[in-house]
Protein backbone atom coordinates (compact mmCIF):
# COMPACT_ATOMS: atom_id res chain seq x y z
CA MET A 1 97.76 161.79 28.46
CA THR A 2 100.07 160.44 30.90
CA LYS A 3 99.47 157.03 32.39
CA PRO A 4 96.58 157.64 35.10
CA PHE A 5 96.95 156.43 38.71
CA VAL A 6 95.02 153.14 39.02
CA ARG A 7 94.42 152.01 42.32
CA PRO A 8 96.01 148.15 42.86
CA ASP A 9 92.20 146.70 43.58
CA VAL A 10 90.71 148.38 41.00
CA GLN A 11 94.18 146.97 38.63
CA GLY A 12 93.12 143.56 39.41
CA VAL A 13 89.82 143.93 38.64
CA LEU A 14 90.82 145.23 35.07
CA GLY A 15 93.33 142.93 34.28
CA MET A 16 90.47 139.91 34.88
CA LEU A 17 88.39 141.95 32.40
CA THR A 18 91.12 142.01 29.85
CA ALA A 19 92.14 138.60 30.45
CA GLN A 20 88.12 137.25 30.24
CA GLU A 21 86.96 135.38 26.95
CA GLY A 22 83.75 136.08 24.68
CA PRO A 23 82.37 138.59 23.24
CA PRO A 24 82.08 142.55 24.83
CA MET A 25 78.81 142.95 26.22
CA HIS A 26 78.27 145.98 23.58
CA GLU A 27 78.64 142.60 20.96
CA THR A 28 75.66 141.10 22.44
CA PRO A 29 71.70 141.54 22.57
CA PRO A 30 70.05 143.22 25.27
CA GLU A 31 68.99 140.01 27.15
CA VAL A 32 71.99 138.63 26.96
CA ALA A 33 73.69 141.78 28.37
CA ARG A 34 71.49 141.94 31.34
CA GLN A 35 73.14 138.10 32.18
CA MET A 36 75.66 139.47 32.11
CA LEU A 37 75.61 141.97 34.16
CA LEU A 38 73.72 140.37 36.78
CA ALA A 39 76.39 137.26 36.62
CA MET A 40 79.66 139.90 37.23
CA THR A 41 77.70 141.84 40.31
CA THR A 42 76.74 138.36 42.07
CA LEU A 43 80.69 137.59 41.82
CA ALA A 44 81.92 140.60 42.24
CA GLU A 45 79.51 142.70 44.69
CA MET A 46 78.66 142.35 48.51
CA PRO A 47 76.28 139.92 50.07
CA ARG A 48 73.01 142.20 50.92
CA GLY A 49 73.32 141.70 54.83
CA GLU A 50 70.88 142.25 57.28
CA LEU A 51 68.15 144.46 57.64
CA ALA A 52 64.63 144.72 59.29
CA ARG A 53 62.66 144.68 56.50
CA CYS A 54 63.29 143.88 52.45
CA GLU A 55 60.39 143.69 50.50
CA ASP A 56 59.47 144.12 47.03
CA PHE A 57 55.82 145.59 45.60
CA THR A 58 54.64 147.18 42.82
CA ILE A 59 53.80 150.76 41.76
CA SER A 60 51.12 151.49 39.44
CA SER A 61 52.04 154.17 36.94
CA GLY A 62 48.78 155.66 36.23
CA HIS A 63 49.52 154.65 32.82
CA GLY A 64 48.45 150.81 32.29
CA HIS A 65 51.22 149.22 33.87
CA ASP A 66 53.28 148.48 37.35
CA ILE A 67 56.36 149.54 37.82
CA PRO A 68 58.35 146.94 40.23
CA ALA A 69 60.06 148.24 43.03
CA ARG A 70 61.72 147.16 46.53
CA ILE A 71 61.62 148.68 50.17
CA TYR A 72 64.73 148.74 52.30
CA GLN A 73 64.74 149.55 56.18
CA ALA A 74 67.36 148.91 58.02
CA LYS A 75 65.27 149.13 61.70
CA ALA A 76 61.76 148.65 62.68
CA GLY A 77 59.93 151.74 63.41
CA GLY A 78 57.37 154.17 61.94
CA GLU A 79 58.78 157.35 62.96
CA ALA A 80 58.44 160.26 60.48
CA GLY A 81 61.68 160.27 57.95
CA PRO A 82 62.49 161.33 53.95
CA VAL A 83 62.70 158.16 51.67
CA MET A 84 65.48 157.72 49.18
CA THR A 85 64.37 156.86 45.64
CA PHE A 86 67.13 154.59 44.17
CA TYR A 87 67.00 154.31 40.10
CA HIS A 88 69.78 151.73 38.73
CA GLY A 89 72.55 152.59 36.37
CA GLY A 90 72.60 150.18 33.25
CA GLY A 91 72.21 152.34 30.61
CA TRP A 92 68.53 152.23 30.48
CA VAL A 93 69.41 148.84 29.06
CA ILE A 94 70.67 146.57 31.42
CA GLY A 95 70.38 147.00 35.47
CA ASP A 96 67.57 145.80 37.85
CA LEU A 97 66.45 145.44 41.24
CA ASP A 98 68.57 142.44 42.06
CA THR A 99 72.07 144.29 40.61
CA HIS A 100 71.81 147.15 42.71
CA ASP A 101 70.33 145.42 45.95
CA SER A 102 73.38 145.22 48.12
CA PHE A 103 74.04 149.13 47.40
CA CYS A 104 70.38 150.11 48.63
CA ALA A 105 70.60 147.98 51.78
CA GLU A 106 74.05 149.33 52.49
CA VAL A 107 72.47 152.87 52.18
CA ALA A 108 69.58 152.69 54.17
CA ARG A 109 72.01 150.94 57.20
CA LEU A 110 74.37 153.76 57.09
CA LEU A 111 71.76 156.27 56.54
CA ASP A 112 69.23 154.66 58.69
CA MET A 113 66.72 155.89 55.96
CA THR A 114 64.26 154.38 54.06
CA VAL A 115 65.33 153.37 50.27
CA VAL A 116 62.90 152.55 47.65
CA SER A 117 64.53 150.86 44.38
CA VAL A 118 62.76 151.48 41.30
CA ASP A 119 63.02 148.94 38.41
CA TYR A 120 61.60 151.26 35.60
CA ARG A 121 61.26 149.70 32.37
CA LEU A 122 64.56 148.98 29.87
CA ALA A 123 65.04 149.87 26.21
CA PRO A 124 64.87 148.94 23.41
CA GLU A 125 61.99 147.18 24.47
CA HIS A 126 60.52 150.70 26.27
CA PRO A 127 62.77 152.92 24.56
CA PHE A 128 62.99 157.12 25.66
CA PRO A 129 61.25 158.46 27.16
CA ALA A 130 59.46 155.08 29.42
CA ALA A 131 62.63 155.14 31.85
CA GLY A 132 62.24 158.90 33.34
CA GLU A 133 58.30 158.08 33.13
CA ASP A 134 58.08 155.40 35.51
CA CYS A 135 60.97 156.81 37.65
CA ILE A 136 58.83 160.29 37.87
CA ALA A 137 55.85 158.38 38.80
CA ALA A 138 57.49 156.03 41.54
CA THR A 139 58.87 159.31 43.20
CA LYS A 140 55.41 160.90 43.35
CA TRP A 141 54.22 157.47 44.84
CA ALA A 142 56.51 157.85 47.88
CA ALA A 143 56.19 161.31 48.32
CA SER A 144 52.50 161.04 48.56
CA GLY A 145 53.29 158.98 51.85
CA PRO A 146 51.60 155.19 51.31
CA ALA A 147 51.14 152.63 53.49
CA GLU A 148 53.46 150.89 52.05
CA ILE A 149 56.32 152.53 53.19
CA GLY A 150 55.12 152.35 56.88
CA HIS A 151 56.17 156.01 58.63
CA PRO A 152 55.21 159.41 57.19
CA VAL A 153 57.24 160.74 54.58
CA THR A 154 58.52 164.06 55.27
CA GLY A 155 60.76 164.29 52.16
CA ILE A 156 62.54 162.77 49.21
CA VAL A 157 66.24 162.29 48.35
CA PRO A 158 66.53 160.90 44.56
CA CYS A 159 69.56 158.99 43.75
CA GLY A 160 71.18 156.68 40.68
CA ASP A 161 74.17 155.99 39.37
CA SER A 162 75.23 156.42 35.88
CA ALA A 163 71.68 155.93 33.54
CA GLY A 164 70.37 156.24 37.15
CA GLY A 165 72.12 159.69 38.10
CA ASN A 166 70.11 160.67 35.00
CA MET A 167 67.34 159.52 35.99
CA ALA A 168 67.93 161.45 39.59
CA ALA A 169 68.42 164.41 37.77
CA VAL A 170 65.75 164.69 34.88
CA VAL A 171 63.23 163.49 38.16
CA CYS A 172 64.60 166.83 40.07
CA GLN A 173 64.21 169.17 37.65
CA GLU A 174 60.45 167.65 36.74
CA LEU A 175 59.16 167.25 40.27
CA HIS A 176 61.42 170.00 42.80
CA GLY A 177 58.55 171.74 44.19
CA GLN A 178 55.26 170.07 42.84
CA LEU A 179 55.27 167.38 45.34
CA PRO A 180 53.15 166.96 48.84
CA VAL A 181 56.88 166.79 50.80
CA PRO A 182 60.16 168.59 49.31
CA ILE A 183 62.92 167.10 47.56
CA ILE A 184 65.88 167.54 50.60
CA ALA A 185 68.71 166.89 48.58
CA GLN A 186 70.09 164.53 45.58
CA TRP A 187 72.45 162.00 45.00
CA LEU A 188 74.12 161.73 41.49
CA ILE A 189 76.50 158.46 41.35
CA TYR A 190 78.86 158.61 38.19
CA PRO A 191 75.92 160.26 36.01
CA ALA A 192 75.13 159.93 32.77
CA VAL A 193 73.85 164.20 31.92
CA ASP A 194 75.27 164.60 28.60
CA MET A 195 74.57 162.71 25.51
CA ALA A 196 76.45 164.23 23.30
CA ALA A 197 79.87 164.12 25.00
CA ALA A 198 82.46 163.32 23.17
CA THR A 199 85.62 164.90 24.16
CA GLY A 200 87.88 165.03 27.18
CA SER A 201 87.32 161.79 29.37
CA MET A 202 84.95 159.71 26.82
CA VAL A 203 88.39 159.82 24.60
CA ASP A 204 91.05 159.15 27.18
CA PHE A 205 88.99 156.61 29.07
CA ALA A 206 87.24 154.81 25.89
CA GLU A 207 88.80 151.36 26.77
CA GLY A 208 90.26 149.41 29.53
CA TYR A 209 88.30 150.84 32.06
CA LEU A 210 85.74 148.53 32.76
CA LEU A 211 82.85 150.96 31.00
CA THR A 212 84.16 152.00 27.14
CA LYS A 213 83.06 154.39 24.09
CA ASP A 214 81.58 151.09 22.52
CA GLY A 215 79.35 150.60 25.34
CA VAL A 216 77.81 153.64 25.86
CA ASP A 217 76.54 153.96 22.31
CA TYR A 218 75.22 150.57 22.16
CA PHE A 219 73.35 152.22 25.34
CA MET A 220 72.25 155.27 24.00
CA ARG A 221 71.72 153.57 20.66
CA HIS A 222 69.11 151.56 22.36
CA TYR A 223 67.74 153.94 24.68
CA LEU A 224 67.18 157.27 22.16
CA GLY A 225 66.96 155.26 18.74
CA GLY A 226 67.78 158.38 16.86
CA GLN A 227 65.40 160.86 19.10
CA ASP A 228 67.02 163.79 20.09
CA ALA A 229 69.50 163.52 22.45
CA ALA A 230 70.23 167.01 23.63
CA GLN A 231 67.25 167.70 25.21
CA ALA A 232 66.90 168.37 28.59
CA LYS A 233 64.79 165.03 29.21
CA ALA A 234 68.10 163.15 27.87
CA SER A 235 70.79 165.35 28.40
CA PRO A 236 69.74 166.38 31.82
CA LEU A 237 73.07 169.23 32.18
CA ASN A 238 71.31 171.53 28.72
CA ALA A 239 68.92 172.11 31.54
CA ASP A 240 68.14 175.01 33.85
CA LEU A 241 69.35 174.50 37.02
CA THR A 242 68.51 177.11 39.09
CA GLY A 243 66.37 176.42 42.16
CA GLN A 244 67.34 172.42 41.96
CA PRO A 245 68.05 170.84 45.46
CA PRO A 246 71.17 170.61 46.97
CA ALA A 247 72.93 168.07 45.37
CA LEU A 248 75.95 165.29 45.89
CA VAL A 249 77.96 164.81 42.94
CA PHE A 250 80.20 161.57 42.91
CA THR A 251 82.89 161.23 39.86
CA CYS A 252 85.43 158.33 39.21
CA GLY A 253 88.82 159.15 38.07
CA LEU A 254 88.44 156.54 35.08
CA ASP A 255 85.73 156.73 33.73
CA PRO A 256 84.78 157.73 30.64
CA LEU A 257 81.54 159.64 31.76
CA ARG A 258 83.86 161.89 34.69
CA ASP A 259 83.93 165.15 32.64
CA GLN A 260 80.25 165.56 32.68
CA GLY A 261 79.44 164.53 35.77
CA ARG A 262 82.26 167.06 36.86
CA ALA A 263 80.71 169.90 34.25
CA TYR A 264 76.62 169.01 35.80
CA ALA A 265 78.37 169.82 39.22
CA GLY A 266 79.91 172.87 38.11
CA LYS A 267 76.95 174.00 36.35
CA LEU A 268 74.98 173.55 39.77
CA ILE A 269 77.51 175.58 41.69
CA ALA A 270 77.20 178.09 38.64
CA SER A 271 73.66 178.44 39.21
CA GLY A 272 73.26 178.74 42.62
CA VAL A 273 72.66 175.43 44.12
CA ARG A 274 74.40 173.91 47.27
CA THR A 275 76.86 171.50 45.97
CA ILE A 276 79.26 168.92 47.26
CA PHE A 277 81.32 167.29 44.52
CA ARG A 278 83.25 164.63 45.11
CA GLU A 279 85.68 162.64 42.58
CA ALA A 280 87.30 158.82 43.26
CA GLU A 281 90.74 158.88 42.26
CA GLY A 282 92.38 155.75 40.28
CA GLN A 283 88.14 154.28 40.44
CA ILE A 284 86.12 153.21 37.94
CA HIS A 285 82.57 153.16 36.48
CA SER A 286 80.58 151.12 38.47
CA CYS A 287 82.10 150.56 41.54
CA ILE A 288 79.54 150.88 44.08
CA THR A 289 78.34 147.14 42.81
CA LEU A 290 81.74 145.41 42.95
CA ARG A 291 82.35 145.99 46.55
CA MET A 292 83.76 142.43 46.97
CA ALA A 293 86.26 142.67 43.86
CA ILE A 294 87.01 146.93 44.74
CA PRO A 295 87.15 146.73 48.76
CA SER A 296 88.01 150.36 48.65
CA ALA A 297 84.47 151.08 46.80
CA GLN A 298 83.00 150.81 49.86
CA ALA A 299 85.40 154.02 51.64
CA ASP A 300 83.97 155.46 48.49
CA ILE A 301 80.57 155.10 49.54
CA GLU A 302 80.81 155.96 53.17
CA ALA A 303 82.62 159.35 52.50
CA CYS A 304 79.45 160.22 50.29
CA VAL A 305 77.26 159.27 52.76
CA ARG A 306 79.03 161.42 55.22
CA ASP A 307 78.60 164.44 52.68
CA LEU A 308 75.31 163.34 52.11
CA LYS A 309 74.32 163.46 55.51
CA PHE A 310 76.18 166.82 56.02
CA LEU A 311 73.94 168.44 53.41
CA LEU A 312 70.53 166.77 54.81
CA SER A 313 71.60 168.29 57.72
CA GLU A 314 71.25 171.50 56.33
CA ALA A 315 67.93 170.94 55.33
CA GLN A 316 66.84 170.78 58.44
C-alpha cells in the first residue's frame, strides 16, 4: 500500500500517541482502559459549551435494571420535534456519557434537536447482547414521548459512533416500523458492522492510526465471548437491509473499520435505501471526540450535520 494521506493535525496526534509511554489500551484490564479513554477525551476534546438543558436521569430497562442517560437541548421550549438517541462508541467495553458529552452537546446545537445519550451496559461484565437490549429499550422509551423529554416526540434518529454505530444499525433493524413514531433517519459514524472483517482496511491500518487491529480483537473478545460473530445482531452488515430508514454513513480514510462502513453504505444503496455516504480523507477513528487535538474534525461533523438535515428535510 502506498503511504496514505494524513492530515497535519491528525499527524500531530499520531506522533504524540507514538511517543506515549506505558502499555497500549488492549493490554490493560477493562476498568483501566475505561479510565484511559476518559483521560484522553478530557485532554483532547472540546468543552461541552452552552445549552439550555443538560440533565442526567435513568430509563427503566423493563428487565430489572435502570439505564443511565443524559438529555441535551440547545433551546428552552416545548415545541414538538424528533429526538436523536445516541449510543457511544468504545468497543462495547469502554466509553460512557462523559466521553461523548461534548459531541452530543454540539449535535444538539447544530441540529437544534433533543439528544438523549444512552449509557448501555458494558462488556465483559455484561456481554453480547446486553448492550443492544439496553439501546433498544432506551429507544422505545424515547419514542413513547415520556415527560422527561419535555416536548412531543415526532420521530427518532438513532445515531452512534463505532460500537455505537453498530447499536444504531441494530436498533433500526429491530425497531423500524415498530414504534409509535417513525425512525426518520439513522446516522452511523465509522460503524463496526462486520465482526468477521479481516482484510482491506483492517490490514492496511492495523497499527499506527489510533484504533488498532489488536484493539479491535480485544473489544470483540470481551463483547462476544465466543458467541457467533456472524449473526445480524452482532454483524448488522449480514442482515437484509431492505426497507431500512434513510441513512447517513460516515467513515474515516485511515480507520481499520473504514471498509465495513463503506460496505454497509453500499448494501443500503443496493437495497433501495436512501443513503448519503461521506468519508473524511486523512482522518482517524474516534475523531469526533478529539476535536481539541484534531480541529479539522469539527468541519467533518458540520458537514455530516448538513447531510443529515438534508435527509430529514426529505422525510418531512
